Amino acid sequence: MTLFQSALSRARSVLESFIEGFSGTIVCDGYSAYDKLEGVNFANCWAHVRRYWLKADSKNGRIGVKYCDDLYRLERQFKRLSPSKRKKTSKVLEANRGGIPSLG
């Protein structure tokens, strides 16, 4: 399920009240006030990850930007695939996750 929420404040209390009773994964921009909520895993959106790698201005940063660009290209191709072929391709991507560099 995809659900978007907007508020005038980014306060942690806004998120806590919005997700009351929820457990699972939330994709967000990596805002530090949102970490360590019981039962919730956070994942950064790829647009923000790519931006962090651009700011790194290092060899690993350039590798990370290329990885994101490759993912975006694959995503455009996925739109034409059946759900079963998308799932098969996703497994290949998952197997290659170890190649994602750190910002160091």
C-alpha atoms as a PDB file:
ATOM      1  CA  MET A   1       0.000   0.000   0.000  1.00  0.00           C
ATOM      2  CA  THR A   2       1.179   3.514  -0.719  1.00  0.00           C
ATOM      3  CA  LEU A   3      -0.009   6.325   1.505  1.00  0.00           C
ATOM      4  CA  PHE A   4       1.163   9.920   1.527  1.00  0.00           C
ATOM      5  CA  GLN A   5       0.747  12.310   4.443  1.00  0.00           C
ATOM      6  CA  SER A   6       1.389  16.022   4.564  1.00  0.00           C
ATOM      7  CA  ALA A   7       1.553  18.309   7.599  1.00  0.00           C
ATOM      8  CA  LEU A   8       2.689  21.823   8.396  1.00  0.00           C
ATOM      9  CA  SER A   9       5.303  20.437  10.806  1.00  0.00           C
ATOM     10  CA  ARG A  10       8.002  17.778  10.470  1.00  0.00           C
ATOM     11  CA  ALA A  11       7.941  17.141  14.203  1.00  0.00           C
ATOM     12  CA  ARG A  12       8.388  13.547  15.304  1.00  0.00           C
ATOM     13  CA  SER A  13       5.055  13.751  17.153  1.00  0.00           C
ATOM     14  CA  VAL A  14       3.249  14.324  13.830  1.00  0.00           C
ATOM     15  CA  LEU A  15       4.677  11.074  12.444  1.00  0.00           C
ATOM     16  CA  GLU A  16       4.044   9.173  15.679  1.00  0.00           C
ATOM     17  CA  SER A  17       0.364  10.107  15.707  1.00  0.00           C
ATOM     18  CA  PHE A  18      -0.011   9.361  11.986  1.00  0.00           C
ATOM     19  CA  ILE A  19       1.471   5.851  12.221  1.00  0.00           C
ATOM     20  CA  GLU A  20      -0.068   4.852  15.544  1.00  0.00           C
ATOM     21  CA  GLY A  21      -0.558   1.069  15.471  1.00  0.00           C
ATOM     22  CA  PHE A  22       1.506   0.660  12.276  1.00  0.00           C
ATOM     23  CA  SER A  23       4.448  -1.696  11.921  1.00  0.00           C
ATOM     24  CA  GLY A  24       6.417  -2.073   8.743  1.00  0.00           C
ATOM     25  CA  THR A  25       8.635  -0.008   6.462  1.00  0.00           C
ATOM     26  CA  ILE A  26       8.353   3.707   5.763  1.00  0.00           C
ATOM     27  CA  VAL A  27      10.192   5.292   2.846  1.00  0.00           C
ATOM     28  CA  CYS A  28      11.158   8.879   3.598  1.00  0.00           C
ATOM     29  CA  ASP A  29      13.892  11.451   3.130  1.00  0.00           C
ATOM     30  CA  GLY A  30      16.053  10.204   5.999  1.00  0.00           C
ATOM     31  CA  TYR A  31      15.074  13.009   8.384  1.00  0.00           C
ATOM     32  CA  SER A  32      16.921  12.150  11.605  1.00  0.00           C
ATOM     33  CA  ALA A  33      13.953  12.887  13.901  1.00  0.00           C
ATOM     34  CA  TYR A  34      12.177   9.881  12.406  1.00  0.00           C
ATOM     35  CA  ASP A  35      14.620   7.126  13.337  1.00  0.00           C
ATOM     36  CA  LYS A  36      14.151   4.472  16.006  1.00  0.00           C
ATOM     37  CA  LEU A  37      10.387   4.091  16.207  1.00  0.00           C
ATOM     38  CA  GLU A  38       9.352   0.734  17.618  1.00  0.00           C
ATOM     39  CA  GLY A  39       8.147  -1.690  14.953  1.00  0.00           C
ATOM     40  CA  VAL A  40       9.097   0.630  12.102  1.00  0.00           C
ATOM     41  CA  ASN A  41      11.948   0.249   9.621  1.00  0.00           C
ATOM     42  CA  PHE A  42      12.964   3.256   7.581  1.00  0.00           C
ATOM     43  CA  ALA A  43      14.225   3.224   4.013  1.00  0.00           C
ATOM     44  CA  ASN A  44      15.494   6.273   2.162  1.00  0.00           C
ATOM     45  CA  CYS A  45      13.916   7.107  -1.155  1.00  0.00           C
ATOM     46  CA  TRP A  46      16.314   6.713  -4.083  1.00  0.00           C
ATOM     47  CA  ALA A  47      16.021  10.385  -5.083  1.00  0.00           C
ATOM     48  CA  HIS A  48      17.405  11.414  -1.695  1.00  0.00           C
ATOM     49  CA  VAL A  49      20.075   8.704  -1.742  1.00  0.00           C
ATOM     50  CA  ARG A  50      21.196   9.888  -5.166  1.00  0.00           C
ATOM     51  CA  ARG A  51      21.349  13.495  -3.887  1.00  0.00           C
ATOM     52  CA  TYR A  52      23.537  12.423  -0.930  1.00  0.00           C
ATOM     53  CA  TRP A  53      25.912  10.657  -3.316  1.00  0.00           C
ATOM     54  CA  LEU A  54      26.079  13.749  -5.542  1.00  0.00           C
ATOM     55  CA  LYS A  55      27.055  15.847  -2.522  1.00  0.00           C
ATOM     56  CA  ALA A  56      29.752  13.328  -1.559  1.00  0.00           C
ATOM     57  CA  ASP A  57      31.752  14.285  -4.671  1.00  0.00           C
ATOM     58  CA  SER A  58      33.970  11.219  -4.354  1.00  0.00           C
ATOM     59  CA  LYS A  59      34.690   8.051  -6.305  1.00  0.00           C
ATOM     60  CA  ASN A  60      32.076   6.160  -4.264  1.00  0.00           C
ATOM     61  CA  GLY A  61      29.678   9.061  -4.759  1.00  0.00           C
ATOM     62  CA  ARG A  62      30.038   8.791  -8.533  1.00  0.00           C
ATOM     63  CA  ILE A  63      29.546   5.003  -8.354  1.00  0.00           C
ATOM     64  CA  GLY A  64      26.421   5.554  -6.241  1.00  0.00           C
ATOM     65  CA  VAL A  65      24.989   8.119  -8.673  1.00  0.00           C
ATOM     66  CA  LYS A  66      25.586   5.708 -11.556  1.00  0.00           C
ATOM     67  CA  TYR A  67      23.874   2.915  -9.589  1.00  0.00           C
ATOM     68  CA  CYS A  68      20.824   5.148  -9.041  1.00  0.00           C
ATOM     69  CA  ASP A  69      20.769   6.172 -12.687  1.00  0.00           C
ATOM     70  CA  ASP A  70      20.893   2.482 -13.662  1.00  0.00           C
ATOM     71  CA  LEU A  71      17.983   1.757 -11.303  1.00  0.00           C
ATOM     72  CA  TYR A  72      15.951   4.601 -12.806  1.00  0.00           C
ATOM     73  CA  ARG A  73      16.621   3.275 -16.309  1.00  0.00           C
ATOM     74  CA  LEU A  74      15.528  -0.224 -15.247  1.00  0.00           C
ATOM     75  CA  GLU A  75      12.414   1.199 -13.629  1.00  0.00           C
ATOM     76  CA  ARG A  76      11.409   2.793 -16.941  1.00  0.00           C
ATOM     77  CA  GLN A  77      11.910  -0.603 -18.609  1.00  0.00           C
ATOM     78  CA  PHE A  78       9.907  -2.397 -15.879  1.00  0.00           C
ATOM     79  CA  LYS A  79       6.784  -0.493 -16.873  1.00  0.00           C
ATOM     80  CA  ARG A  80       6.595  -2.662 -19.992  1.00  0.00           C
ATOM     81  CA  LEU A  81       7.110  -5.995 -18.168  1.00  0.00           C
ATOM     82  CA  SER A  82       4.520  -8.359 -16.765  1.00  0.00           C
ATOM     83  CA  PRO A  83       4.397  -8.690 -12.941  1.00  0.00           C
ATOM     84  CA  SER A  84       6.098 -12.111 -13.073  1.00  0.00           C
ATOM     85  CA  LYS A  85       9.008 -10.774 -15.150  1.00  0.00           C
ATOM     86  CA  ARG A  86       9.312  -7.773 -12.818  1.00  0.00           C
ATOM     87  CA  LYS A  87       9.613 -10.137  -9.864  1.00  0.00           C
ATOM     88  CA  LYS A  88      12.324 -12.194 -11.599  1.00  0.00           C
ATOM     89  CA  THR A  89      14.305  -9.059 -12.483  1.00  0.00           C
ATOM     90  CA  SER A  90      13.918  -7.719  -8.936  1.00  0.00           C
ATOM     91  CA  LYS A  91      15.610 -10.870  -7.616  1.00  0.00           C
ATOM     92  CA  VAL A  92      18.587 -10.176  -9.870  1.00  0.00           C
ATOM     93  CA  LEU A  93      18.793  -6.611  -8.533  1.00  0.00           C
ATOM     94  CA  GLU A  94      18.552  -7.830  -4.945  1.00  0.00           C
ATOM     95  CA  ALA A  95      21.444 -10.235  -5.528  1.00  0.00           C
ATOM     96  CA  ASN A  96      23.618  -7.305  -6.663  1.00  0.00           C
ATOM     97  CA  ARG A  97      22.862  -5.011  -3.718  1.00  0.00           C
ATOM     98  CA  GLY A  98      26.273  -5.689  -2.202  1.00  0.00           C
ATOM     99  CA  GLY A  99      27.813  -3.508  -4.904  1.00  0.00           C
ATOM    100  CA  ILE A 100      26.276  -0.317  -3.532  1.00  0.00           C
ATOM    101  CA  PRO A 101      29.091   1.845  -2.152  1.00  0.00           C
ATOM    102  CA  SER A 102      29.152   3.732   1.109  1.00  0.00           C
ATOM    103  CA  LEU A 103      29.553   7.496   1.154  1.00  0.00           C
ATOM    104  CA  GLY A 104      33.058   7.179   2.603  1.00  0.00           C
END
